[in-house]
Amino acid sequence: MDRFGELTVFLCVVDEGSFSAAARRLGLSPSAVSKLVARLEARLGARLYDRIGSAIRLTEEGRIFQRNGARVLDALAEAENSVAASLAYW
């Protein structure tokens, strides 16, 4: 999966509050979601979640990544919408 996909999975885990719920929403296995987040953390060199038993909590780095990552996805959606809007005029 590319960086965009990893970001999407990470933000879904944040929104859903768990790896399992994010996996259900995305149609992936919980193991796949966990591995994607672990790969993202390895690439960034930072833990994004504190794992406490079955519960998770964003670390400070995770909160920073969430905030900036959400802006990236918002910018992408805006770019796509602007193209769609310009095509509507043709």
PDB file of N, CA and C in Angstrom:
ATOM      1  N   MET A   1       0.851  -1.169   0.000  1.00  0.00           N
ATOM      2  CA  MET A   1       0.000   0.000   0.000  1.00  0.00           C
ATOM      3  C   MET A   1       0.900   1.235   0.000  1.00  0.00           C
ATOM      4  N   ASP A   2       0.479   2.280  -0.682  1.00  0.00           N
ATOM      5  CA  ASP A   2       1.258   3.509  -0.771  1.00  0.00           C
ATOM      6  C   ASP A   2       1.023   4.407   0.450  1.00  0.00           C
ATOM      7  N   ARG A   3       1.674   5.525   0.468  1.00  0.00           N
ATOM      8  CA  ARG A   3       1.565   6.450   1.612  1.00  0.00           C
ATOM      9  C   ARG A   3       0.145   6.945   1.800  1.00  0.00           C
ATOM     10  N   PHE A   4      -0.538   7.233   0.699  1.00  0.00           N
ATOM     11  CA  PHE A   4      -1.925   7.676   0.780  1.00  0.00           C
ATOM     12  C   PHE A   4      -2.778   6.619   1.471  1.00  0.00           C
ATOM     13  N   GLY A   5      -2.597   5.365   1.095  1.00  0.00           N
ATOM     14  CA  GLY A   5      -3.342   4.278   1.717  1.00  0.00           C
ATOM     15  C   GLY A   5      -3.025   4.136   3.190  1.00  0.00           C
ATOM     16  N   GLU A   6      -1.745   4.243   3.534  1.00  0.00           N
ATOM     17  CA  GLU A   6      -1.357   4.165   4.949  1.00  0.00           C
ATOM     18  C   GLU A   6      -2.000   5.298   5.746  1.00  0.00           C
ATOM     19  N   LEU A   7      -1.999   6.493   5.175  1.00  0.00           N
ATOM     20  CA  LEU A   7      -2.609   7.640   5.849  1.00  0.00           C
ATOM     21  C   LEU A   7      -4.102   7.414   6.029  1.00  0.00           C
ATOM     22  N   THR A   8      -4.746   6.909   4.999  1.00  0.00           N
ATOM     23  CA  THR A   8      -6.179   6.634   5.072  1.00  0.00           C
ATOM     24  C   THR A   8      -6.481   5.619   6.177  1.00  0.00           C
ATOM     25  N   VAL A   9      -5.687   4.565   6.252  1.00  0.00           N
ATOM     26  CA  VAL A   9      -5.878   3.551   7.290  1.00  0.00           C
ATOM     27  C   VAL A   9      -5.641   4.158   8.670  1.00  0.00           C
ATOM     28  N   PHE A  10      -4.549   4.910   8.823  1.00  0.00           N
ATOM     29  CA  PHE A  10      -4.246   5.547  10.109  1.00  0.00           C
ATOM     30  C   PHE A  10      -5.416   6.425  10.563  1.00  0.00           C
ATOM     31  N   LEU A  11      -5.914   7.273   9.667  1.00  0.00           N
ATOM     32  CA  LEU A  11      -7.001   8.181  10.038  1.00  0.00           C
ATOM     33  C   LEU A  11      -8.299   7.423  10.320  1.00  0.00           C
ATOM     34  N   CYS A  12      -8.520   6.314   9.639  1.00  0.00           N
ATOM     35  CA  CYS A  12      -9.690   5.497   9.924  1.00  0.00           C
ATOM     36  C   CYS A  12      -9.599   4.902  11.332  1.00  0.00           C
ATOM     37  N   VAL A  13      -8.410   4.449  11.730  1.00  0.00           N
ATOM     38  CA  VAL A  13      -8.223   3.929  13.085  1.00  0.00           C
ATOM     39  C   VAL A  13      -8.527   5.031  14.102  1.00  0.00           C
ATOM     40  N   VAL A  14      -8.062   6.247  13.824  1.00  0.00           N
ATOM     41  CA  VAL A  14      -8.356   7.374  14.721  1.00  0.00           C
ATOM     42  C   VAL A  14      -9.864   7.581  14.811  1.00  0.00           C
ATOM     43  N   ASP A  15     -10.533   7.643  13.658  1.00  0.00           N
ATOM     44  CA  ASP A  15     -11.981   7.884  13.638  1.00  0.00           C
ATOM     45  C   ASP A  15     -12.772   6.789  14.337  1.00  0.00           C
ATOM     46  N   GLU A  16     -12.372   5.536  14.109  1.00  0.00           N
ATOM     47  CA  GLU A  16     -13.119   4.403  14.653  1.00  0.00           C
ATOM     48  C   GLU A  16     -12.733   4.072  16.091  1.00  0.00           C
ATOM     49  N   GLY A  17     -11.524   4.467  16.500  1.00  0.00           N
ATOM     50  CA  GLY A  17     -11.096   4.228  17.873  1.00  0.00           C
ATOM     51  C   GLY A  17     -10.476   2.868  18.134  1.00  0.00           C
ATOM     52  N   SER A  18     -10.387   2.038  17.092  1.00  0.00           N
ATOM     53  CA  SER A  18      -9.749   0.737  17.272  1.00  0.00           C
ATOM     54  C   SER A  18      -9.319   0.183  15.923  1.00  0.00           C
ATOM     55  N   PHE A  19      -8.350  -0.723  15.976  1.00  0.00           N
ATOM     56  CA  PHE A  19      -7.883  -1.378  14.769  1.00  0.00           C
ATOM     57  C   PHE A  19      -8.987  -2.272  14.187  1.00  0.00           C
ATOM     58  N   SER A  20      -9.704  -2.972  15.056  1.00  0.00           N
ATOM     59  CA  SER A  20     -10.758  -3.890  14.598  1.00  0.00           C
ATOM     60  C   SER A  20     -11.889  -3.145  13.910  1.00  0.00           C
ATOM     61  N   ALA A  21     -12.336  -2.050  14.493  1.00  0.00           N
ATOM     62  CA  ALA A  21     -13.427  -1.279  13.887  1.00  0.00           C
ATOM     63  C   ALA A  21     -12.983  -0.671  12.561  1.00  0.00           C
ATOM     64  N   ALA A  22     -11.752  -0.189  12.503  1.00  0.00           N
ATOM     65  CA  ALA A  22     -11.227   0.357  11.247  1.00  0.00           C
ATOM     66  C   ALA A  22     -11.143  -0.741  10.192  1.00  0.00           C
ATOM     67  N   ALA A  23     -10.719  -1.925  10.605  1.00  0.00           N
ATOM     68  CA  ALA A  23     -10.623  -3.049   9.670  1.00  0.00           C
ATOM     69  C   ALA A  23     -11.993  -3.377   9.086  1.00  0.00           C
ATOM     70  N   ARG A  24     -13.015  -3.410   9.930  1.00  0.00           N
ATOM     71  CA  ARG A  24     -14.370  -3.689   9.444  1.00  0.00           C
ATOM     72  C   ARG A  24     -14.811  -2.634   8.434  1.00  0.00           C
ATOM     73  N   ARG A  25     -14.577  -1.367   8.766  1.00  0.00           N
ATOM     74  CA  ARG A  25     -14.983  -0.269   7.874  1.00  0.00           C
ATOM     75  C   ARG A  25     -14.252  -0.325   6.533  1.00  0.00           C
ATOM     76  N   LEU A  26     -12.983  -0.705   6.567  1.00  0.00           N
ATOM     77  CA  LEU A  26     -12.160  -0.718   5.358  1.00  0.00           C
ATOM     78  C   LEU A  26     -12.209  -2.043   4.602  1.00  0.00           C
ATOM     79  N   GLY A  27     -12.827  -3.049   5.194  1.00  0.00           N
ATOM     80  CA  GLY A  27     -12.880  -4.357   4.556  1.00  0.00           C
ATOM     81  C   GLY A  27     -11.544  -5.078   4.583  1.00  0.00           C
ATOM     82  N   LEU A  28     -10.775  -4.833   5.633  1.00  0.00           N
ATOM     83  CA  LEU A  28      -9.471  -5.477   5.819  1.00  0.00           C
ATOM     84  C   LEU A  28      -9.510  -6.309   7.086  1.00  0.00           C
ATOM     85  N   SER A  29      -8.501  -7.129   7.276  1.00  0.00           N
ATOM     86  CA  SER A  29      -8.393  -7.860   8.536  1.00  0.00           C
ATOM     87  C   SER A  29      -7.740  -6.942   9.578  1.00  0.00           C
ATOM     88  N   PRO A  30      -8.053  -7.169  10.858  1.00  0.00           N
ATOM     89  CA  PRO A  30      -7.383  -6.378  11.893  1.00  0.00           C
ATOM     90  C   PRO A  30      -5.867  -6.513  11.816  1.00  0.00           C
ATOM     91  N   SER A  31      -5.392  -7.706  11.461  1.00  0.00           N
ATOM     92  CA  SER A  31      -3.953  -7.925  11.330  1.00  0.00           C
ATOM     93  C   SER A  31      -3.362  -7.040  10.232  1.00  0.00           C
ATOM     94  N   ALA A  32      -4.066  -6.923   9.111  1.00  0.00           N
ATOM     95  CA  ALA A  32      -3.575  -6.074   8.009  1.00  0.00           C
ATOM     96  C   ALA A  32      -3.511  -4.617   8.439  1.00  0.00           C
ATOM     97  N   VAL A  33      -4.524  -4.153   9.162  1.00  0.00           N
ATOM     98  CA  VAL A  33      -4.531  -2.767   9.642  1.00  0.00           C
ATOM     99  C   VAL A  33      -3.370  -2.550  10.603  1.00  0.00           C
ATOM    100  N   SER A  34      -3.179  -3.477  11.518  1.00  0.00           N
ATOM    101  CA  SER A  34      -2.087  -3.368  12.487  1.00  0.00           C
ATOM    102  C   SER A  34      -0.730  -3.317  11.782  1.00  0.00           C
ATOM    103  N   LYS A  35      -0.560  -4.168  10.778  1.00  0.00           N
ATOM    104  CA  LYS A  35       0.705  -4.197  10.042  1.00  0.00           C
ATOM    105  C   LYS A  35       0.938  -2.909   9.260  1.00  0.00           C
ATOM    106  N   LEU A  36      -0.117  -2.352   8.673  1.00  0.00           N
ATOM    107  CA  LEU A  36       0.023  -1.092   7.937  1.00  0.00           C
ATOM    108  C   LEU A  36       0.427   0.044   8.869  1.00  0.00           C
ATOM    109  N   VAL A  37      -0.196   0.094  10.038  1.00  0.00           N
ATOM    110  CA  VAL A  37       0.146   1.138  11.003  1.00  0.00           C
ATOM    111  C   VAL A  37       1.572   0.932  11.507  1.00  0.00           C
ATOM    112  N   ALA A  38       1.953  -0.311  11.755  1.00  0.00           N
ATOM    113  CA  ALA A  38       3.325  -0.597  12.203  1.00  0.00           C
ATOM    114  C   ALA A  38       4.337  -0.184  11.142  1.00  0.00           C
ATOM    115  N   ARG A  39       4.021  -0.443   9.865  1.00  0.00           N
ATOM    116  CA  ARG A  39       4.927  -0.046   8.786  1.00  0.00           C
ATOM    117  C   ARG A  39       5.035   1.478   8.701  1.00  0.00           C
ATOM    118  N   LEU A  40       3.920   2.158   8.870  1.00  0.00           N
ATOM    119  CA  LEU A  40       3.918   3.626   8.871  1.00  0.00           C
ATOM    120  C   LEU A  40       4.764   4.147  10.025  1.00  0.00           C
ATOM    121  N   GLU A  41       4.583   3.581  11.208  1.00  0.00           N
ATOM    122  CA  GLU A  41       5.376   3.995  12.369  1.00  0.00           C
ATOM    123  C   GLU A  41       6.867   3.758  12.128  1.00  0.00           C
ATOM    124  N   ALA A  42       7.202   2.641  11.518  1.00  0.00           N
ATOM    125  CA  ALA A  42       8.611   2.338  11.230  1.00  0.00           C
ATOM    126  C   ALA A  42       9.192   3.354  10.249  1.00  0.00           C
ATOM    127  N   ARG A  43       8.424   3.682   9.218  1.00  0.00           N
ATOM    128  CA  ARG A  43       8.903   4.647   8.234  1.00  0.00           C
ATOM    129  C   ARG A  43       9.093   6.033   8.855  1.00  0.00           C
ATOM    130  N   LEU A  44       8.166   6.415   9.730  1.00  0.00           N
ATOM    131  CA  LEU A  44       8.249   7.718  10.382  1.00  0.00           C
ATOM    132  C   LEU A  44       9.267   7.738  11.521  1.00  0.00           C
ATOM    133  N   GLY A  45       9.568   6.569  12.046  1.00  0.00           N
ATOM    134  CA  GLY A  45      10.472   6.496  13.187  1.00  0.00           C
ATOM    135  C   GLY A  45       9.845   7.012  14.470  1.00  0.00           C
ATOM    136  N   ALA A  46       8.524   6.846  14.559  1.00  0.00           N
ATOM    137  CA  ALA A  46       7.797   7.341  15.738  1.00  0.00           C
ATOM    138  C   ALA A  46       6.605   6.433  16.011  1.00  0.00           C
ATOM    139  N   ARG A  47       6.296   6.274  17.290  1.00  0.00           N
ATOM    140  CA  ARG A  47       5.073   5.570  17.662  1.00  0.00           C
ATOM    141  C   ARG A  47       3.912   6.541  17.518  1.00  0.00           C
ATOM    142  N   LEU A  48       2.845   6.118  16.868  1.00  0.00           N
ATOM    143  CA  LEU A  48       1.671   6.963  16.683  1.00  0.00           C
ATOM    144  C   LEU A  48       0.587   6.648  17.703  1.00  0.00           C
ATOM    145  N   TYR A  49       0.617   5.427  18.225  1.00  0.00           N
ATOM    146  CA  TYR A  49      -0.353   4.988  19.224  1.00  0.00           C
ATOM    147  C   TYR A  49       0.363   4.372  20.406  1.00  0.00           C
ATOM    148  N   ASP A  50      -0.190   4.599  21.597  1.00  0.00           N
ATOM    149  CA  ASP A  50       0.167   3.806  22.764  1.00  0.00           C
ATOM    150  C   ASP A  50      -0.840   2.676  22.805  1.00  0.00           C
ATOM    151  N   ARG A  51      -0.373   1.460  22.910  1.00  0.00           N
ATOM    152  CA  ARG A  51      -1.243   0.295  22.957  1.00  0.00           C
ATOM    153  C   ARG A  51      -1.290  -0.197  24.397  1.00  0.00           C
ATOM    154  N   ILE A  52      -2.464  -0.143  24.984  1.00  0.00           N
ATOM    155  CA  ILE A  52      -2.661  -0.543  26.363  1.00  0.00           C
ATOM    156  C   ILE A  52      -3.693  -1.666  26.362  1.00  0.00           C
ATOM    157  N   GLY A  53      -3.198  -2.911  26.364  1.00  0.00           N
ATOM    158  CA  GLY A  53      -4.113  -4.048  26.223  1.00  0.00           C
ATOM    159  C   GLY A  53      -4.783  -3.969  24.872  1.00  0.00           C
ATOM    160  N   SER A  54      -6.104  -3.958  24.866  1.00  0.00           N
ATOM    161  CA  SER A  54      -6.829  -3.848  23.599  1.00  0.00           C
ATOM    162  C   SER A  54      -7.161  -2.394  23.263  1.00  0.00           C
ATOM    163  N   ALA A  55      -6.854  -1.483  24.170  1.00  0.00           N
ATOM    164  CA  ALA A  55      -7.144  -0.062  23.936  1.00  0.00           C
ATOM    165  C   ALA A  55      -5.950   0.621  23.264  1.00  0.00           C
ATOM    166  N   ILE A  56      -6.249   1.669  22.508  1.00  0.00           N
ATOM    167  CA  ILE A  56      -5.195   2.465  21.890  1.00  0.00           C
ATOM    168  C   ILE A  56      -5.436   3.932  22.216  1.00  0.00           C
ATOM    169  N   ARG A  57      -4.340   4.669  22.225  1.00  0.00           N
ATOM    170  CA  ARG A  57      -4.409   6.112  22.476  1.00  0.00           C
ATOM    171  C   ARG A  57      -3.333   6.767  21.628  1.00  0.00           C
ATOM    172  N   LEU A  58      -3.686   7.872  20.966  1.00  0.00           N
ATOM    173  CA  LEU A  58      -2.695   8.578  20.167  1.00  0.00           C
ATOM    174  C   LEU A  58      -1.586   9.138  21.036  1.00  0.00           C
ATOM    175  N   THR A  59      -0.372   9.031  20.548  1.00  0.00           N
ATOM    176  CA  THR A  59       0.756   9.703  21.184  1.00  0.00           C
ATOM    177  C   THR A  59       0.752  11.157  20.716  1.00  0.00           C
ATOM    178  N   GLU A  60       1.626  11.967  21.249  1.00  0.00           N
ATOM    179  CA  GLU A  60       1.740  13.347  20.778  1.00  0.00           C
ATOM    180  C   GLU A  60       2.090  13.371  19.295  1.00  0.00           C
ATOM    181  N   GLU A  61       2.999  12.498  18.888  1.00  0.00           N
ATOM    182  CA  GLU A  61       3.365  12.420  17.470  1.00  0.00           C
ATOM    183  C   GLU A  61       2.165  11.984  16.626  1.00  0.00           C
ATOM    184  N   GLY A  62       1.358  11.088  17.182  1.00  0.00           N
ATOM    185  CA  GLY A  62       0.153  10.645  16.492  1.00  0.00           C
ATOM    186  C   GLY A  62      -0.845  11.771  16.294  1.00  0.00           C
ATOM    187  N   ARG A  63      -0.985  12.616  17.309  1.00  0.00           N
ATOM    188  CA  ARG A  63      -1.894  13.767  17.189  1.00  0.00           C
ATOM    189  C   ARG A  63      -1.404  14.740  16.131  1.00  0.00           C
ATOM    190  N   ILE A  64      -0.100  14.965  16.088  1.00  0.00           N
ATOM    191  CA  ILE A  64       0.474  15.851  15.068  1.00  0.00           C
ATOM    192  C   ILE A  64       0.238  15.264  13.680  1.00  0.00           C
ATOM    193  N   PHE A  65       0.493  13.963  13.528  1.00  0.00           N
ATOM    194  CA  PHE A  65       0.317  13.314  12.240  1.00  0.00           C
ATOM    195  C   PHE A  65      -1.155  13.307  11.840  1.00  0.00           C
ATOM    196  N   GLN A  66      -2.041  13.112  12.796  1.00  0.00           N
ATOM    197  CA  GLN A  66      -3.476  13.137  12.510  1.00  0.00           C
ATOM    198  C   GLN A  66      -3.886  14.509  11.977  1.00  0.00           C
ATOM    199  N   ARG A  67      -3.484  15.543  12.655  1.00  0.00           N
ATOM    200  CA  ARG A  67      -3.860  16.902  12.268  1.00  0.00           C
ATOM    201  C   ARG A  67      -3.352  17.229  10.856  1.00  0.00           C
ATOM    202  N   ASN A  68      -2.077  16.952  10.611  1.00  0.00           N
ATOM    203  CA  ASN A  68      -1.501  17.256   9.302  1.00  0.00           C
ATOM    204  C   ASN A  68      -2.011  16.309   8.221  1.00  0.00           C
ATOM    205  N   GLY A  69      -2.195  15.051   8.567  1.00  0.00           N
ATOM    206  CA  GLY A  69      -2.704  14.080   7.602  1.00  0.00           C
ATOM    207  C   GLY A  69      -4.120  14.397   7.168  1.00  0.00           C
ATOM    208  N   ALA A  70      -4.943  14.837   8.101  1.00  0.00           N
ATOM    209  CA  ALA A  70      -6.319  15.208   7.756  1.00  0.00           C
ATOM    210  C   ALA A  70      -6.319  16.379   6.777  1.00  0.00           C
ATOM    211  N   ARG A  71      -5.392  17.313   6.955  1.00  0.00           N
ATOM    212  CA  ARG A  71      -5.291  18.442   6.011  1.00  0.00           C
ATOM    213  C   ARG A  71      -4.908  17.959   4.621  1.00  0.00           C
ATOM    214  N   VAL A  72      -4.024  16.962   4.556  1.00  0.00           N
ATOM    215  CA  VAL A  72      -3.623  16.402   3.260  1.00  0.00           C
ATOM    216  C   VAL A  72      -4.832  15.794   2.551  1.00  0.00           C
ATOM    217  N   LEU A  73      -5.615  14.987   3.262  1.00  0.00           N
ATOM    218  CA  LEU A  73      -6.787  14.372   2.645  1.00  0.00           C
ATOM    219  C   LEU A  73      -7.831  15.410   2.256  1.00  0.00           C
ATOM    220  N   ASP A  74      -7.985  16.451   3.079  1.00  0.00           N
ATOM    221  CA  ASP A  74      -8.911  17.534   2.740  1.00  0.00           C
ATOM    222  C   ASP A  74      -8.464  18.259   1.471  1.00  0.00           C
ATOM    223  N   ALA A  75      -7.156  18.503   1.345  1.00  0.00           N
ATOM    224  CA  ALA A  75      -6.628  19.177   0.157  1.00  0.00           C
ATOM    225  C   ALA A  75      -6.831  18.316  -1.085  1.00  0.00           C
ATOM    226  N   LEU A  76      -6.645  17.011  -0.953  1.00  0.00           N
ATOM    227  CA  LEU A  76      -6.860  16.111  -2.080  1.00  0.00           C
ATOM    228  C   LEU A  76      -8.326  16.125  -2.503  1.00  0.00           C
ATOM    229  N   ALA A  77      -9.229  16.063  -1.542  1.00  0.00           N
ATOM    230  CA  ALA A  77     -10.660  16.101  -1.851  1.00  0.00           C
ATOM    231  C   ALA A  77     -11.026  17.421  -2.534  1.00  0.00           C
ATOM    232  N   GLU A  78     -10.469  18.521  -2.053  1.00  0.00           N
ATOM    233  CA  GLU A  78     -10.726  19.829  -2.661  1.00  0.00           C
ATOM    234  C   GLU A  78     -10.222  19.865  -4.106  1.00  0.00           C
ATOM    235  N   ALA A  79      -9.042  19.321  -4.346  1.00  0.00           N
ATOM    236  CA  ALA A  79      -8.492  19.281  -5.701  1.00  0.00           C
ATOM    237  C   ALA A  79      -9.389  18.459  -6.622  1.00  0.00           C
ATOM    238  N   GLU A  80      -9.830  17.305  -6.140  1.00  0.00           N
ATOM    239  CA  GLU A  80     -10.706  16.462  -6.953  1.00  0.00           C
ATOM    240  C   GLU A  80     -12.039  17.144  -7.224  1.00  0.00           C
ATOM    241  N   ASN A  81     -12.589  17.802  -6.214  1.00  0.00           N
ATOM    242  CA  ASN A  81     -13.856  18.502  -6.384  1.00  0.00           C
ATOM    243  C   ASN A  81     -13.745  19.668  -7.351  1.00  0.00           C
ATOM    244  N   SER A  82     -12.606  20.358  -7.341  1.00  0.00           N
ATOM    245  CA  SER A  82     -12.439  21.483  -8.255  1.00  0.00           C
ATOM    246  C   SER A  82     -12.397  21.020  -9.701  1.00  0.00           C
ATOM    247  N   VAL A  83     -11.793  19.869  -9.954  1.00  0.00           N
ATOM    248  CA  VAL A  83     -11.779  19.321 -11.318  1.00  0.00           C
ATOM    249  C   VAL A  83     -13.197  18.913 -11.712  1.00  0.00           C
ATOM    250  N   ALA A  84     -13.886  18.234 -10.812  1.00  0.00           N
ATOM    251  CA  ALA A  84     -15.261  17.805 -11.102  1.00  0.00           C
ATOM    252  C   ALA A  84     -16.150  19.008 -11.379  1.00  0.00           C
ATOM    253  N   ALA A  85     -15.968  20.084 -10.620  1.00  0.00           N
ATOM    254  CA  ALA A  85     -16.763  21.296 -10.816  1.00  0.00           C
ATOM    255  C   ALA A  85     -16.461  21.938 -12.162  1.00  0.00           C
ATOM    256  N   SER A  86     -15.189  21.958 -12.554  1.00  0.00           N
ATOM    257  CA  SER A  86     -14.856  22.570 -13.831  1.00  0.00           C
ATOM    258  C   SER A  86     -15.415  21.753 -14.994  1.00  0.00           C
ATOM    259  N   LEU A  87     -15.490  20.443 -14.850  1.00  0.00           N
ATOM    260  CA  LEU A  87     -16.054  19.592 -15.903  1.00  0.00           C
ATOM    261  C   LEU A  87     -17.561  19.779 -16.031  1.00  0.00           C
ATOM    262  N   ALA A  88     -18.204  20.182 -14.957  1.00  0.00           N
ATOM    263  CA  ALA A  88     -19.652  20.382 -14.971  1.00  0.00           C
ATOM    264  C   ALA A  88     -20.035  21.563 -15.861  1.00  0.00           C
ATOM    265  N   TYR A  89     -19.111  22.486 -16.089  1.00  0.00           N
ATOM    266  CA  TYR A  89     -19.372  23.652 -16.922  1.00  0.00           C
ATOM    267  C   TYR A  89     -19.263  23.344 -18.398  1.00  0.00           C
ATOM    268  N   TRP A  90     -18.694  22.219 -18.755  1.00  0.00           N
ATOM    269  CA  TRP A  90     -18.537  21.884 -20.175  1.00  0.00           C
ATOM    270  C   TRP A  90     -19.802  21.333 -20.637  1.00  0.00           C
TER     271      TRP A  90
END
